[in-house]
Amino acid sequence: MVDVAELAGRLVLVRPTWPDPLPGVEELQVVDADTLRVAAQPGFGPAGEPVPVERDAGGHVVSLRLGGVTYRPVEEFRRRRSSTTGRPAASSRLWD
């Protein structure tokens, strides 16, 4: 799971499920309306790699691809899953 957020005027990629997500924050640069780029940084990882952004007809983000993995908003994942499996997606409610 990843989140893209504006933090102190910078666009960043955060992994909120990590026990301490702060050390894993990566700055993103806007290349154009459909592409971000991971800012240069020391060490390994996707530094400098383009991050393609897929949008629907209304301009809403439906996926981004980073390090060979496609990330989708939870709602989009569930919609696509139910259309490919023929089964409704599991409820996001914790209880009924």
Protein backbone atom coordinates (compact mmCIF):
# COMPACT_ATOMS: atom_id res chain seq x y z
CA MET A 1 0.00 0.00 0.00
CA VAL A 2 1.25 3.47 -0.85
CA ASP A 3 -0.15 6.95 -0.43
CA VAL A 4 0.79 10.01 -2.45
CA ALA A 5 0.48 13.19 -0.41
CA GLU A 6 1.61 16.78 -0.30
CA LEU A 7 3.88 17.30 2.69
CA ALA A 8 5.41 20.70 3.43
CA GLY A 9 4.96 21.75 -0.20
CA ARG A 10 6.53 18.56 -1.59
CA LEU A 11 4.80 15.65 -3.29
CA VAL A 12 5.80 12.47 -1.46
CA LEU A 13 5.18 8.74 -1.55
CA VAL A 14 4.44 7.24 1.87
CA ARG A 15 4.02 3.59 2.83
CA PRO A 16 1.50 3.90 5.69
CA THR A 17 1.50 0.21 6.60
CA TRP A 18 5.19 0.21 7.59
CA PRO A 19 5.79 0.25 11.36
CA ASP A 20 7.63 3.58 10.90
CA PRO A 21 6.77 5.04 7.49
CA LEU A 22 8.84 8.21 7.89
CA PRO A 23 12.25 6.73 6.86
CA GLY A 24 10.65 5.31 3.70
CA VAL A 25 9.18 8.58 2.45
CA GLU A 26 10.25 9.27 -1.14
CA GLU A 27 9.92 12.62 -2.88
CA LEU A 28 8.14 12.64 -6.23
CA GLN A 29 8.63 15.10 -9.06
CA VAL A 30 5.92 15.95 -11.58
CA VAL A 31 7.11 15.22 -15.14
CA ASP A 32 3.74 15.82 -16.81
CA ALA A 33 0.05 15.15 -16.16
CA ASP A 34 0.51 11.40 -16.58
CA THR A 35 3.99 10.82 -15.16
CA LEU A 36 5.74 11.34 -11.84
CA ARG A 37 9.38 10.56 -11.13
CA VAL A 38 11.00 9.37 -7.91
CA ALA A 39 13.54 12.05 -6.96
CA ALA A 40 17.22 11.14 -6.94
CA GLN A 41 18.41 9.81 -3.60
CA PRO A 42 21.35 7.82 -2.30
CA GLY A 43 21.14 4.04 -2.11
CA PHE A 44 18.99 1.50 -3.87
CA GLY A 45 15.36 1.64 -4.84
CA PRO A 46 13.37 3.30 -7.59
CA ALA A 47 15.28 6.63 -7.53
CA GLY A 48 14.92 8.38 -10.87
CA GLU A 49 12.34 5.92 -12.18
CA PRO A 50 9.24 7.22 -13.92
CA VAL A 51 5.92 6.55 -12.18
CA PRO A 52 3.18 6.34 -14.85
CA VAL A 53 -0.22 7.55 -13.66
CA GLU A 54 -3.38 6.15 -15.29
CA ARG A 55 -6.51 8.31 -15.20
CA ASP A 56 -10.12 7.64 -16.08
CA ALA A 57 -12.16 9.77 -18.50
CA GLY A 58 -12.96 12.18 -15.68
CA GLY A 59 -9.29 12.70 -14.84
CA HIS A 60 -9.35 10.72 -11.59
CA VAL A 61 -6.31 8.56 -10.82
CA VAL A 62 -7.10 4.85 -11.22
CA SER A 63 -3.56 3.48 -10.88
CA LEU A 64 0.11 4.27 -10.63
CA ARG A 65 3.03 1.98 -11.38
CA LEU A 66 6.12 1.98 -9.19
CA GLY A 67 8.96 -0.51 -9.15
CA GLY A 68 7.07 -3.00 -11.31
CA VAL A 69 3.94 -2.94 -9.10
CA THR A 70 0.62 -1.38 -10.09
CA TYR A 71 -1.14 0.36 -7.22
CA ARG A 72 -4.86 1.17 -7.37
CA PRO A 73 -7.23 2.97 -5.03
CA VAL A 74 -9.04 0.41 -2.87
CA GLU A 75 -12.39 1.20 -4.52
CA GLU A 76 -10.92 0.69 -8.00
CA PHE A 77 -9.28 -2.59 -6.97
CA ARG A 78 -12.57 -3.89 -5.61
CA ARG A 79 -14.49 -2.80 -8.73
CA ARG A 80 -12.00 -4.51 -11.04
CA ARG A 81 -11.82 -7.64 -8.88
CA SER A 82 -15.57 -8.16 -8.86
CA SER A 83 -15.76 -7.66 -12.63
CA THR A 84 -13.07 -10.28 -13.29
CA THR A 85 -14.13 -12.91 -10.75
CA GLY A 86 -17.88 -12.55 -11.19
CA ARG A 87 -18.22 -12.27 -7.42
CA PRO A 88 -18.95 -9.13 -5.44
CA ALA A 89 -16.00 -7.65 -3.60
CA ALA A 90 -15.84 -8.27 0.13
CA SER A 91 -17.40 -5.63 2.29
CA SER A 92 -15.08 -3.07 3.80
CA ARG A 93 -17.26 -2.90 6.91
CA LEU A 94 -15.80 -4.42 10.03
CA TRP A 95 -19.19 -5.52 11.24
CA ASP A 96 -22.82 -5.43 10.14
